[in-house]
Amino acid sequence: MTLTAVATETRTGRSLVTGAEFGTLAAFCADEYGLERCVAERVVDQALALVFVMGTSGDGASMAPSRLVDPGWHTLILHTGWYAEWCERSFGYFLHHQPKATVRTRGLMTDVVGRIRAAGFEVDEGLWGTAAECNPPACCGDGDGC
């Protein structure tokens, strides 16, 4: 008996939009939130993957971005006309923003990351890691005292 491994390729949030759209979103995110362009690109990539999973699962109300991915989510919704059209094209309805900043727990972030990964997307662990999982003042954020 021969077993054949099936390679499963992951996709990126970036792949969900055109290059021009991604460039516009990343530039806005960098300027609006004071991020280096390469960081803003990572943030927008993860936000696109998150919102796509929220929209296609129909269970977006139980998901939230990490503190570090949140600017990407806001970048998408601040481009209201584009965002509304992208939602309709991607999953057939407008996905409303329902802030959950007070519930960013390690368990929720682990679940969200698992769901993004299960949907076939690459996960940028650095944007979902320990510093992103907790809310000050309960956690120090990036310091070693967490």
C-alpha atoms as a PDB file:
ATOM      1  CA  MET A   1       0.000   0.000   0.000  1.00  0.00           C
ATOM      2  CA  THR A   2       1.380   3.374  -0.995  1.00  0.00           C
ATOM      3  CA  LEU A   3       0.399   6.533   0.828  1.00  0.00           C
ATOM      4  CA  THR A   4       0.528   9.752  -1.109  1.00  0.00           C
ATOM      5  CA  ALA A   5       0.937  12.957   0.821  1.00  0.00           C
ATOM      6  CA  VAL A   6      -1.264  15.767  -0.371  1.00  0.00           C
ATOM      7  CA  ALA A   7       0.387  19.146  -0.101  1.00  0.00           C
ATOM      8  CA  THR A   8      -1.932  21.712   1.337  1.00  0.00           C
ATOM      9  CA  GLU A   9      -0.985  25.211   0.337  1.00  0.00           C
ATOM     10  CA  THR A  10      -1.906  28.074   2.558  1.00  0.00           C
ATOM     11  CA  ARG A  11      -3.120  31.368   1.262  1.00  0.00           C
ATOM     12  CA  THR A  12      -2.667  34.896   2.477  1.00  0.00           C
ATOM     13  CA  GLY A  13      -5.142  37.616   3.302  1.00  0.00           C
ATOM     14  CA  ARG A  14      -3.329  39.686   0.716  1.00  0.00           C
ATOM     15  CA  SER A  15      -4.444  37.223  -1.968  1.00  0.00           C
ATOM     16  CA  LEU A  16      -8.071  38.218  -1.377  1.00  0.00           C
ATOM     17  CA  VAL A  17      -7.645  41.655  -2.946  1.00  0.00           C
ATOM     18  CA  THR A  18      -5.881  43.159  -5.936  1.00  0.00           C
ATOM     19  CA  GLY A  19      -2.326  44.426  -5.640  1.00  0.00           C
ATOM     20  CA  ALA A  20      -3.547  48.009  -5.997  1.00  0.00           C
ATOM     21  CA  GLU A  21      -6.175  47.550  -3.275  1.00  0.00           C
ATOM     22  CA  PHE A  22      -3.636  45.992  -0.943  1.00  0.00           C
ATOM     23  CA  GLY A  23      -1.183  48.811  -1.598  1.00  0.00           C
ATOM     24  CA  THR A  24      -3.799  51.457  -0.821  1.00  0.00           C
ATOM     25  CA  LEU A  25      -4.863  49.708   2.387  1.00  0.00           C
ATOM     26  CA  ALA A  26      -1.298  49.106   3.588  1.00  0.00           C
ATOM     27  CA  ALA A  27      -0.263  52.705   2.875  1.00  0.00           C
ATOM     28  CA  PHE A  28      -3.276  54.030   4.774  1.00  0.00           C
ATOM     29  CA  CYS A  29      -2.625  51.693   7.714  1.00  0.00           C
ATOM     30  CA  ALA A  30       1.020  52.779   7.874  1.00  0.00           C
ATOM     31  CA  ASP A  31       0.163  56.497   7.745  1.00  0.00           C
ATOM     32  CA  GLU A  32      -2.890  56.392  10.011  1.00  0.00           C
ATOM     33  CA  TYR A  33      -1.390  54.218  12.737  1.00  0.00           C
ATOM     34  CA  GLY A  34       2.262  55.249  12.521  1.00  0.00           C
ATOM     35  CA  LEU A  35       3.485  51.817  11.434  1.00  0.00           C
ATOM     36  CA  GLU A  36       6.416  50.997   9.218  1.00  0.00           C
ATOM     37  CA  ARG A  37       5.130  49.977   5.793  1.00  0.00           C
ATOM     38  CA  CYS A  38       6.354  46.377   6.161  1.00  0.00           C
ATOM     39  CA  VAL A  39       4.503  46.057   9.496  1.00  0.00           C
ATOM     40  CA  ALA A  40       1.363  47.643   8.050  1.00  0.00           C
ATOM     41  CA  GLU A  41       1.431  45.083   5.235  1.00  0.00           C
ATOM     42  CA  ARG A  42       1.552  42.235   7.764  1.00  0.00           C
ATOM     43  CA  VAL A  43      -1.288  43.797   9.778  1.00  0.00           C
ATOM     44  CA  VAL A  44      -3.545  44.314   6.753  1.00  0.00           C
ATOM     45  CA  ASP A  45      -2.803  40.791   5.516  1.00  0.00           C
ATOM     46  CA  GLN A  46      -3.936  39.291   8.823  1.00  0.00           C
ATOM     47  CA  ALA A  47      -6.966  41.598   9.043  1.00  0.00           C
ATOM     48  CA  LEU A  48      -8.124  40.516   5.582  1.00  0.00           C
ATOM     49  CA  ALA A  49      -7.795  36.845   6.516  1.00  0.00           C
ATOM     50  CA  LEU A  50      -9.634  37.425   9.804  1.00  0.00           C
ATOM     51  CA  VAL A  51     -12.525  39.350   8.259  1.00  0.00           C
ATOM     52  CA  PHE A  52     -12.843  36.810   5.450  1.00  0.00           C
ATOM     53  CA  VAL A  53     -13.115  33.978   7.981  1.00  0.00           C
ATOM     54  CA  MET A  54     -15.569  36.009  10.061  1.00  0.00           C
ATOM     55  CA  GLY A  55     -17.719  36.654   7.003  1.00  0.00           C
ATOM     56  CA  THR A  56     -17.622  33.216   5.432  1.00  0.00           C
ATOM     57  CA  SER A  57     -18.202  31.394   8.708  1.00  0.00           C
ATOM     58  CA  GLY A  58     -21.199  33.556   9.595  1.00  0.00           C
ATOM     59  CA  ASP A  59     -19.844  33.552  13.129  1.00  0.00           C
ATOM     60  CA  GLY A  60     -18.000  36.853  13.187  1.00  0.00           C
ATOM     61  CA  ALA A  61     -19.678  37.946  16.414  1.00  0.00           C
ATOM     62  CA  SER A  62     -17.609  35.389  18.327  1.00  0.00           C
ATOM     63  CA  MET A  63     -14.270  36.513  16.854  1.00  0.00           C
ATOM     64  CA  ALA A  64     -12.008  39.506  17.449  1.00  0.00           C
ATOM     65  CA  PRO A  65      -8.657  40.733  16.187  1.00  0.00           C
ATOM     66  CA  SER A  66      -5.605  40.884  18.412  1.00  0.00           C
ATOM     67  CA  ARG A  67      -4.551  44.306  19.628  1.00  0.00           C
ATOM     68  CA  LEU A  68      -1.900  44.356  16.898  1.00  0.00           C
ATOM     69  CA  VAL A  69      -4.259  43.295  14.071  1.00  0.00           C
ATOM     70  CA  ASP A  70      -7.011  45.732  15.102  1.00  0.00           C
ATOM     71  CA  PRO A  71      -5.560  48.679  13.097  1.00  0.00           C
ATOM     72  CA  GLY A  72      -5.853  46.529   9.984  1.00  0.00           C
ATOM     73  CA  TRP A  73      -9.527  45.795  10.721  1.00  0.00           C
ATOM     74  CA  HIS A  74     -10.111  49.524  11.183  1.00  0.00           C
ATOM     75  CA  THR A  75      -8.262  50.246   7.944  1.00  0.00           C
ATOM     76  CA  LEU A  76     -10.689  48.012   6.067  1.00  0.00           C
ATOM     77  CA  ILE A  77     -13.837  49.510   7.547  1.00  0.00           C
ATOM     78  CA  LEU A  78     -12.610  53.093   7.139  1.00  0.00           C
ATOM     79  CA  HIS A  79     -12.618  52.493   3.381  1.00  0.00           C
ATOM     80  CA  THR A  80     -16.386  52.152   3.599  1.00  0.00           C
ATOM     81  CA  GLY A  81     -17.364  52.013  -0.074  1.00  0.00           C
ATOM     82  CA  TRP A  82     -14.614  49.571  -0.962  1.00  0.00           C
ATOM     83  CA  TYR A  83     -15.230  47.521   2.200  1.00  0.00           C
ATOM     84  CA  ALA A  84     -18.981  47.202   1.557  1.00  0.00           C
ATOM     85  CA  GLU A  85     -18.358  46.042  -2.019  1.00  0.00           C
ATOM     86  CA  TRP A  86     -15.590  43.639  -0.937  1.00  0.00           C
ATOM     87  CA  CYS A  87     -17.852  42.091   1.726  1.00  0.00           C
ATOM     88  CA  GLU A  88     -20.659  41.602  -0.771  1.00  0.00           C
ATOM     89  CA  ARG A  89     -18.306  40.087  -3.348  1.00  0.00           C
ATOM     90  CA  SER A  90     -16.467  37.901  -0.811  1.00  0.00           C
ATOM     91  CA  PHE A  91     -19.283  36.487   1.310  1.00  0.00           C
ATOM     92  CA  GLY A  92     -22.559  38.027   0.191  1.00  0.00           C
ATOM     93  CA  TYR A  93     -23.348  40.502   2.966  1.00  0.00           C
ATOM     94  CA  PHE A  94     -21.964  43.500   4.841  1.00  0.00           C
ATOM     95  CA  LEU A  95     -20.032  42.398   7.923  1.00  0.00           C
ATOM     96  CA  HIS A  96     -20.505  45.014  10.618  1.00  0.00           C
ATOM     97  CA  HIS A  97     -17.794  45.960  13.073  1.00  0.00           C
ATOM     98  CA  GLN A  98     -18.651  44.860  16.603  1.00  0.00           C
ATOM     99  CA  PRO A  99     -15.834  46.016  18.923  1.00  0.00           C
ATOM    100  CA  LYS A 100     -14.681  43.456  21.496  1.00  0.00           C
ATOM    101  CA  ALA A 101     -11.489  45.021  22.850  1.00  0.00           C
ATOM    102  CA  THR A 102     -12.358  44.042  26.414  1.00  0.00           C
ATOM    103  CA  VAL A 103     -12.548  40.326  25.620  1.00  0.00           C
ATOM    104  CA  ARG A 104      -9.146  39.753  24.030  1.00  0.00           C
ATOM    105  CA  THR A 105      -8.143  36.776  26.092  1.00  0.00           C
ATOM    106  CA  ARG A 106      -5.510  34.167  25.380  1.00  0.00           C
ATOM    107  CA  GLY A 107      -8.279  31.612  24.790  1.00  0.00           C
ATOM    108  CA  LEU A 108     -10.129  33.811  22.299  1.00  0.00           C
ATOM    109  CA  MET A 109      -6.943  34.695  20.389  1.00  0.00           C
ATOM    110  CA  THR A 110      -5.936  31.014  20.257  1.00  0.00           C
ATOM    111  CA  ASP A 111      -9.404  30.106  18.930  1.00  0.00           C
ATOM    112  CA  VAL A 112      -9.347  32.894  16.334  1.00  0.00           C
ATOM    113  CA  VAL A 113      -5.868  31.912  15.135  1.00  0.00           C
ATOM    114  CA  GLY A 114      -6.989  28.273  14.915  1.00  0.00           C
ATOM    115  CA  ARG A 115     -10.000  29.233  12.837  1.00  0.00           C
ATOM    116  CA  ILE A 116      -7.920  31.369  10.468  1.00  0.00           C
ATOM    117  CA  ARG A 117      -5.420  28.550  10.068  1.00  0.00           C
ATOM    118  CA  ALA A 118      -8.205  25.965   9.576  1.00  0.00           C
ATOM    119  CA  ALA A 119      -9.583  28.119   6.750  1.00  0.00           C
ATOM    120  CA  GLY A 120      -6.236  27.708   4.981  1.00  0.00           C
ATOM    121  CA  PHE A 121      -4.637  31.053   5.734  1.00  0.00           C
ATOM    122  CA  GLU A 122      -1.087  31.715   6.832  1.00  0.00           C
ATOM    123  CA  VAL A 123      -0.940  33.069  10.377  1.00  0.00           C
ATOM    124  CA  ASP A 124       1.630  35.692  11.330  1.00  0.00           C
ATOM    125  CA  GLU A 125       2.327  34.478  14.869  1.00  0.00           C
ATOM    126  CA  GLY A 126       4.095  37.732  15.781  1.00  0.00           C
ATOM    127  CA  LEU A 127       0.828  39.623  15.450  1.00  0.00           C
ATOM    128  CA  TRP A 128      -1.189  37.142  17.494  1.00  0.00           C
ATOM    129  CA  GLY A 129       1.376  36.243  20.174  1.00  0.00           C
ATOM    130  CA  THR A 130       1.459  36.954  23.899  1.00  0.00           C
ATOM    131  CA  ALA A 131       1.746  40.724  23.625  1.00  0.00           C
ATOM    132  CA  ALA A 132      -1.256  40.771  21.317  1.00  0.00           C
ATOM    133  CA  GLU A 133      -3.361  38.481  23.497  1.00  0.00           C
ATOM    134  CA  CYS A 134      -3.692  40.614  26.575  1.00  0.00           C
ATOM    135  CA  ASN A 135      -5.016  44.027  27.442  1.00  0.00           C
ATOM    136  CA  PRO A 136      -3.112  46.544  29.551  1.00  0.00           C
ATOM    137  CA  PRO A 137      -3.087  47.047  32.487  1.00  0.00           C
ATOM    138  CA  ALA A 138      -3.662  43.348  33.167  1.00  0.00           C
ATOM    139  CA  CYS A 139      -0.626  42.615  31.009  1.00  0.00           C
ATOM    140  CA  CYS A 140       2.443  44.672  30.392  1.00  0.00           C
ATOM    141  CA  GLY A 141       2.276  44.137  26.643  1.00  0.00           C
ATOM    142  CA  ASP A 142       5.748  43.688  25.234  1.00  0.00           C
ATOM    143  CA  GLY A 143       7.817  43.592  28.423  1.00  0.00           C
ATOM    144  CA  ASP A 144       9.234  40.516  30.077  1.00  0.00           C
ATOM    145  CA  GLY A 145       7.037  40.906  33.157  1.00  0.00           C
ATOM    146  CA  CYS A 146       3.983  39.271  31.559  1.00  0.00           C
END
